[in-house]
Amino acid sequence: MQADDAVQFFLTQGVWGSHTEIKQAGEYYGFHPLSLRLLAGLIVQDAQQPGDIAAAARLDVTGELV
């Protein structure tokens, strides 16, 4: 996925934040579509900061998700 596509994807999923913040979160996962989908779901359902891209800093989808 391209960076601008990833930003649009996050916004469509209900994740909000600046273009730069969203792009940085996507870069961490190499803009891999499945990883970004998992991350977006966790961000939207986050208990502390629901929908805020800032929650991505403490979330990790590289491990085992059940």
PDB file of N, CA and C in Angstrom:
ATOM      1  N   MET A   1       0.852  -1.164   0.000  1.00  0.00           N
ATOM      2  CA  MET A   1       0.000   0.000   0.000  1.00  0.00           C
ATOM      3  C   MET A   1       0.908   1.240   0.000  1.00  0.00           C
ATOM      4  N   GLN A   2       0.505   2.246  -0.714  1.00  0.00           N
ATOM      5  CA  GLN A   2       1.245   3.504  -0.749  1.00  0.00           C
ATOM      6  C   GLN A   2       0.897   4.356   0.473  1.00  0.00           C
ATOM      7  N   ALA A   3       1.776   5.278   0.841  1.00  0.00           N
ATOM      8  CA  ALA A   3       1.593   6.094   2.041  1.00  0.00           C
ATOM      9  C   ALA A   3       0.277   6.872   2.020  1.00  0.00           C
ATOM     10  N   ASP A   4      -0.027   7.526   0.917  1.00  0.00           N
ATOM     11  CA  ASP A   4      -1.261   8.310   0.847  1.00  0.00           C
ATOM     12  C   ASP A   4      -2.498   7.416   0.898  1.00  0.00           C
ATOM     13  N   ASP A   5      -2.400   6.229   0.318  1.00  0.00           N
ATOM     14  CA  ASP A   5      -3.507   5.273   0.391  1.00  0.00           C
ATOM     15  C   ASP A   5      -3.714   4.815   1.834  1.00  0.00           C
ATOM     16  N   ALA A   6      -2.611   4.624   2.551  1.00  0.00           N
ATOM     17  CA  ALA A   6      -2.701   4.200   3.954  1.00  0.00           C
ATOM     18  C   ALA A   6      -3.374   5.280   4.800  1.00  0.00           C
ATOM     19  N   VAL A   7      -3.022   6.532   4.555  1.00  0.00           N
ATOM     20  CA  VAL A   7      -3.637   7.631   5.296  1.00  0.00           C
ATOM     21  C   VAL A   7      -5.135   7.647   5.038  1.00  0.00           C
ATOM     22  N   GLN A   8      -5.520   7.534   3.775  1.00  0.00           N
ATOM     23  CA  GLN A   8      -6.947   7.530   3.435  1.00  0.00           C
ATOM     24  C   GLN A   8      -7.661   6.325   4.056  1.00  0.00           C
ATOM     25  N   PHE A   9      -6.984   5.177   4.073  1.00  0.00           N
ATOM     26  CA  PHE A   9      -7.553   3.970   4.671  1.00  0.00           C
ATOM     27  C   PHE A   9      -7.849   4.192   6.154  1.00  0.00           C
ATOM     28  N   PHE A  10      -6.860   4.722   6.893  1.00  0.00           N
ATOM     29  CA  PHE A  10      -7.060   4.968   8.317  1.00  0.00           C
ATOM     30  C   PHE A  10      -8.222   5.923   8.551  1.00  0.00           C
ATOM     31  N   LEU A  11      -8.272   6.991   7.774  1.00  0.00           N
ATOM     32  CA  LEU A  11      -9.356   7.962   7.937  1.00  0.00           C
ATOM     33  C   LEU A  11     -10.712   7.313   7.668  1.00  0.00           C
ATOM     34  N   THR A  12     -10.782   6.472   6.655  1.00  0.00           N
ATOM     35  CA  THR A  12     -12.023   5.776   6.312  1.00  0.00           C
ATOM     36  C   THR A  12     -12.444   4.818   7.422  1.00  0.00           C
ATOM     37  N   GLN A  13     -11.472   4.241   8.114  1.00  0.00           N
ATOM     38  CA  GLN A  13     -11.763   3.300   9.199  1.00  0.00           C
ATOM     39  C   GLN A  13     -12.190   3.995  10.486  1.00  0.00           C
ATOM     40  N   GLY A  14     -12.092   5.328  10.530  1.00  0.00           N
ATOM     41  CA  GLY A  14     -12.493   6.061  11.721  1.00  0.00           C
ATOM     42  C   GLY A  14     -11.341   6.479  12.608  1.00  0.00           C
ATOM     43  N   VAL A  15     -10.125   6.339  12.093  1.00  0.00           N
ATOM     44  CA  VAL A  15      -8.935   6.764  12.835  1.00  0.00           C
ATOM     45  C   VAL A  15      -8.656   8.215  12.457  1.00  0.00           C
ATOM     46  N   TRP A  16      -8.386   9.049  13.454  1.00  0.00           N
ATOM     47  CA  TRP A  16      -8.120  10.447  13.164  1.00  0.00           C
ATOM     48  C   TRP A  16      -6.748  10.854  13.686  1.00  0.00           C
ATOM     49  N   GLY A  17      -6.192  11.858  13.046  1.00  0.00           N
ATOM     50  CA  GLY A  17      -4.879  12.391  13.394  1.00  0.00           C
ATOM     51  C   GLY A  17      -4.335  13.132  12.199  1.00  0.00           C
ATOM     52  N   SER A  18      -3.166  13.693  12.341  1.00  0.00           N
ATOM     53  CA  SER A  18      -2.571  14.434  11.234  1.00  0.00           C
ATOM     54  C   SER A  18      -2.060  13.458  10.170  1.00  0.00           C
ATOM     55  N   HIS A  19      -1.924  13.978   8.971  1.00  0.00           N
ATOM     56  CA  HIS A  19      -1.408  13.179   7.856  1.00  0.00           C
ATOM     57  C   HIS A  19      -0.048  12.583   8.235  1.00  0.00           C
ATOM     58  N   THR A  20       0.798  13.393   8.847  1.00  0.00           N
ATOM     59  CA  THR A  20       2.144  12.957   9.226  1.00  0.00           C
ATOM     60  C   THR A  20       2.106  11.856  10.280  1.00  0.00           C
ATOM     61  N   GLU A  21       1.262  12.013  11.291  1.00  0.00           N
ATOM     62  CA  GLU A  21       1.158  10.999  12.349  1.00  0.00           C
ATOM     63  C   GLU A  21       0.680   9.664  11.778  1.00  0.00           C
ATOM     64  N   ILE A  22      -0.306   9.727  10.915  1.00  0.00           N
ATOM     65  CA  ILE A  22      -0.847   8.503  10.323  1.00  0.00           C
ATOM     66  C   ILE A  22       0.189   7.847   9.426  1.00  0.00           C
ATOM     67  N   LYS A  23       0.886   8.646   8.655  1.00  0.00           N
ATOM     68  CA  LYS A  23       1.922   8.118   7.765  1.00  0.00           C
ATOM     69  C   LYS A  23       3.029   7.434   8.576  1.00  0.00           C
ATOM     70  N   GLN A  24       3.439   8.035   9.685  1.00  0.00           N
ATOM     71  CA  GLN A  24       4.478   7.443  10.525  1.00  0.00           C
ATOM     72  C   GLN A  24       4.038   6.098  11.100  1.00  0.00           C
ATOM     73  N   ALA A  25       2.788   6.011  11.510  1.00  0.00           N
ATOM     74  CA  ALA A  25       2.278   4.740  12.037  1.00  0.00           C
ATOM     75  C   ALA A  25       2.296   3.668  10.958  1.00  0.00           C
ATOM     76  N   GLY A  26       1.939   4.034   9.741  1.00  0.00           N
ATOM     77  CA  GLY A  26       1.958   3.080   8.630  1.00  0.00           C
ATOM     78  C   GLY A  26       3.359   2.660   8.231  1.00  0.00           C
ATOM     79  N   GLU A  27       4.292   3.595   8.294  1.00  0.00           N
ATOM     80  CA  GLU A  27       5.689   3.297   7.947  1.00  0.00           C
ATOM     81  C   GLU A  27       6.263   2.215   8.847  1.00  0.00           C
ATOM     82  N   TYR A  28       5.884   2.236  10.119  1.00  0.00           N
ATOM     83  CA  TYR A  28       6.395   1.252  11.073  1.00  0.00           C
ATOM     84  C   TYR A  28       6.101  -0.173  10.599  1.00  0.00           C
ATOM     85  N   TYR A  29       4.971  -0.362   9.933  1.00  0.00           N
ATOM     86  CA  TYR A  29       4.563  -1.680   9.446  1.00  0.00           C
ATOM     87  C   TYR A  29       4.812  -1.845   7.955  1.00  0.00           C
ATOM     88  N   GLY A  30       5.588  -0.948   7.365  1.00  0.00           N
ATOM     89  CA  GLY A  30       5.907  -1.048   5.946  1.00  0.00           C
ATOM     90  C   GLY A  30       4.685  -0.902   5.060  1.00  0.00           C
ATOM     91  N   PHE A  31       3.650  -0.259   5.581  1.00  0.00           N
ATOM     92  CA  PHE A  31       2.385  -0.068   4.863  1.00  0.00           C
ATOM     93  C   PHE A  31       1.768  -1.390   4.415  1.00  0.00           C
ATOM     94  N   HIS A  32       2.021  -2.444   5.178  1.00  0.00           N
ATOM     95  CA  HIS A  32       1.457  -3.764   4.872  1.00  0.00           C
ATOM     96  C   HIS A  32      -0.049  -3.730   5.145  1.00  0.00           C
ATOM     97  N   PRO A  33      -0.882  -4.026   4.141  1.00  0.00           N
ATOM     98  CA  PRO A  33      -2.341  -3.881   4.282  1.00  0.00           C
ATOM     99  C   PRO A  33      -2.954  -4.628   5.466  1.00  0.00           C
ATOM    100  N   LEU A  34      -2.591  -5.872   5.683  1.00  0.00           N
ATOM    101  CA  LEU A  34      -3.188  -6.631   6.784  1.00  0.00           C
ATOM    102  C   LEU A  34      -2.771  -6.042   8.135  1.00  0.00           C
ATOM    103  N   SER A  35      -1.515  -5.690   8.258  1.00  0.00           N
ATOM    104  CA  SER A  35      -1.051  -5.079   9.507  1.00  0.00           C
ATOM    105  C   SER A  35      -1.771  -3.772   9.777  1.00  0.00           C
ATOM    106  N   LEU A  36      -1.961  -2.964   8.731  1.00  0.00           N
ATOM    107  CA  LEU A  36      -2.653  -1.694   8.910  1.00  0.00           C
ATOM    108  C   LEU A  36      -4.112  -1.909   9.269  1.00  0.00           C
ATOM    109  N   ARG A  37      -4.734  -2.933   8.719  1.00  0.00           N
ATOM    110  CA  ARG A  37      -6.133  -3.233   9.056  1.00  0.00           C
ATOM    111  C   ARG A  37      -6.249  -3.642  10.516  1.00  0.00           C
ATOM    112  N   LEU A  38      -5.336  -4.486  10.979  1.00  0.00           N
ATOM    113  CA  LEU A  38      -5.335  -4.900  12.381  1.00  0.00           C
ATOM    114  C   LEU A  38      -5.090  -3.704  13.294  1.00  0.00           C
ATOM    115  N   LEU A  39      -4.131  -2.869  12.926  1.00  0.00           N
ATOM    116  CA  LEU A  39      -3.819  -1.694  13.726  1.00  0.00           C
ATOM    117  C   LEU A  39      -5.007  -0.740  13.786  1.00  0.00           C
ATOM    118  N   ALA A  40      -5.645  -0.494  12.663  1.00  0.00           N
ATOM    119  CA  ALA A  40      -6.811   0.397  12.630  1.00  0.00           C
ATOM    120  C   ALA A  40      -7.910  -0.124  13.547  1.00  0.00           C
ATOM    121  N   GLY A  41      -8.154  -1.423  13.534  1.00  0.00           N
ATOM    122  CA  GLY A  41      -9.174  -2.010  14.402  1.00  0.00           C
ATOM    123  C   GLY A  41      -8.850  -1.825  15.869  1.00  0.00           C
ATOM    124  N   LEU A  42      -7.583  -2.019  16.219  1.00  0.00           N
ATOM    125  CA  LEU A  42      -7.176  -1.823  17.613  1.00  0.00           C
ATOM    126  C   LEU A  42      -7.299  -0.362  18.028  1.00  0.00           C
ATOM    127  N   ILE A  43      -6.944   0.546  17.133  1.00  0.00           N
ATOM    128  CA  ILE A  43      -7.022   1.973  17.453  1.00  0.00           C
ATOM    129  C   ILE A  43      -8.470   2.395  17.654  1.00  0.00           C
ATOM    130  N   VAL A  44      -9.342   1.983  16.772  1.00  0.00           N
ATOM    131  CA  VAL A  44     -10.758   2.374  16.866  1.00  0.00           C
ATOM    132  C   VAL A  44     -11.377   1.855  18.157  1.00  0.00           C
ATOM    133  N   GLN A  45     -10.962   0.677  18.602  1.00  0.00           N
ATOM    134  CA  GLN A  45     -11.537   0.069  19.803  1.00  0.00           C
ATOM    135  C   GLN A  45     -10.712   0.319  21.066  1.00  0.00           C
ATOM    136  N   ASP A  46      -9.685   1.142  20.970  1.00  0.00           N
ATOM    137  CA  ASP A  46      -8.810   1.410  22.103  1.00  0.00           C
ATOM    138  C   ASP A  46      -9.589   2.039  23.254  1.00  0.00           C
ATOM    139  N   ALA A  47      -9.363   1.559  24.465  1.00  0.00           N
ATOM    140  CA  ALA A  47     -10.094   2.048  25.632  1.00  0.00           C
ATOM    141  C   ALA A  47      -9.624   3.431  26.090  1.00  0.00           C
ATOM    142  N   GLN A  48      -8.353   3.727  25.925  1.00  0.00           N
ATOM    143  CA  GLN A  48      -7.805   4.991  26.401  1.00  0.00           C
ATOM    144  C   GLN A  48      -7.955   6.134  25.400  1.00  0.00           C
ATOM    145  N   GLN A  49      -7.726   5.840  24.129  1.00  0.00           N
ATOM    146  CA  GLN A  49      -7.763   6.869  23.093  1.00  0.00           C
ATOM    147  C   GLN A  49      -8.485   6.331  21.853  1.00  0.00           C
ATOM    148  N   PRO A  50      -9.766   6.045  21.938  1.00  0.00           N
ATOM    149  CA  PRO A  50     -10.456   5.440  20.795  1.00  0.00           C
ATOM    150  C   PRO A  50     -10.429   6.329  19.551  1.00  0.00           C
ATOM    151  N   GLY A  51      -9.918   5.760  18.470  1.00  0.00           N
ATOM    152  CA  GLY A  51      -9.880   6.445  17.192  1.00  0.00           C
ATOM    153  C   GLY A  51      -8.697   7.368  16.989  1.00  0.00           C
ATOM    154  N   ASP A  52      -7.920   7.626  18.021  1.00  0.00           N
ATOM    155  CA  ASP A  52      -6.793   8.566  17.944  1.00  0.00           C
ATOM    156  C   ASP A  52      -5.537   7.820  17.490  1.00  0.00           C
ATOM    157  N   ILE A  53      -4.915   8.292  16.403  1.00  0.00           N
ATOM    158  CA  ILE A  53      -3.715   7.643  15.877  1.00  0.00           C
ATOM    159  C   ILE A  53      -2.599   7.606  16.921  1.00  0.00           C
ATOM    160  N   ALA A  54      -2.637   8.486  17.906  1.00  0.00           N
ATOM    161  CA  ALA A  54      -1.621   8.495  18.965  1.00  0.00           C
ATOM    162  C   ALA A  54      -1.590   7.169  19.729  1.00  0.00           C
ATOM    163  N   ALA A  55      -2.693   6.444  19.736  1.00  0.00           N
ATOM    164  CA  ALA A  55      -2.739   5.142  20.411  1.00  0.00           C
ATOM    165  C   ALA A  55      -1.806   4.142  19.741  1.00  0.00           C
ATOM    166  N   ALA A  56      -1.470   4.354  18.481  1.00  0.00           N
ATOM    167  CA  ALA A  56      -0.603   3.426  17.751  1.00  0.00           C
ATOM    168  C   ALA A  56       0.768   3.292  18.396  1.00  0.00           C
ATOM    169  N   ALA A  57       1.205   4.324  19.097  1.00  0.00           N
ATOM    170  CA  ALA A  57       2.524   4.295  19.726  1.00  0.00           C
ATOM    171  C   ALA A  57       2.646   3.204  20.783  1.00  0.00           C
ATOM    172  N   ARG A  58       1.531   2.803  21.384  1.00  0.00           N
ATOM    173  CA  ARG A  58       1.604   1.761  22.422  1.00  0.00           C
ATOM    174  C   ARG A  58       0.962   0.447  21.989  1.00  0.00           C
ATOM    175  N   LEU A  59       0.543   0.369  20.733  1.00  0.00           N
ATOM    176  CA  LEU A  59      -0.047  -0.860  20.204  1.00  0.00           C
ATOM    177  C   LEU A  59       0.954  -1.557  19.295  1.00  0.00           C
ATOM    178  N   ASP A  60       0.869  -2.870  19.228  1.00  0.00           N
ATOM    179  CA  ASP A  60       1.781  -3.633  18.385  1.00  0.00           C
ATOM    180  C   ASP A  60       1.019  -4.804  17.775  1.00  0.00           C
ATOM    181  N   VAL A  61       0.994  -4.852  16.452  1.00  0.00           N
ATOM    182  CA  VAL A  61       0.304  -5.947  15.793  1.00  0.00           C
ATOM    183  C   VAL A  61       1.284  -6.956  15.188  1.00  0.00           C
ATOM    184  N   THR A  62       2.555  -6.894  15.607  1.00  0.00           N
ATOM    185  CA  THR A  62       3.521  -7.840  15.070  1.00  0.00           C
ATOM    186  C   THR A  62       3.544  -9.143  15.845  1.00  0.00           C
ATOM    187  N   GLY A  63       2.919  -9.160  17.016  1.00  0.00           N
ATOM    188  CA  GLY A  63       2.900 -10.368  17.829  1.00  0.00           C
ATOM    189  C   GLY A  63       1.687 -11.218  17.529  1.00  0.00           C
ATOM    190  N   GLU A  64       1.358 -12.063  18.460  1.00  0.00           N
ATOM    191  CA  GLU A  64       0.234 -12.968  18.307  1.00  0.00           C
ATOM    192  C   GLU A  64      -1.061 -12.289  18.734  1.00  0.00           C
ATOM    193  N   LEU A  65      -2.017 -12.210  17.832  1.00  0.00           N
ATOM    194  CA  LEU A  65      -3.325 -11.653  18.157  1.00  0.00           C
ATOM    195  C   LEU A  65      -4.345 -12.776  18.165  1.00  0.00           C
ATOM    196  N   VAL A  66      -5.185 -12.772  19.158  1.00  0.00           N
ATOM    197  CA  VAL A  66      -6.227 -13.788  19.254  1.00  0.00           C
ATOM    198  C   VAL A  66      -7.567 -13.111  19.104  1.00  0.00           C
TER     199      VAL A  66
END
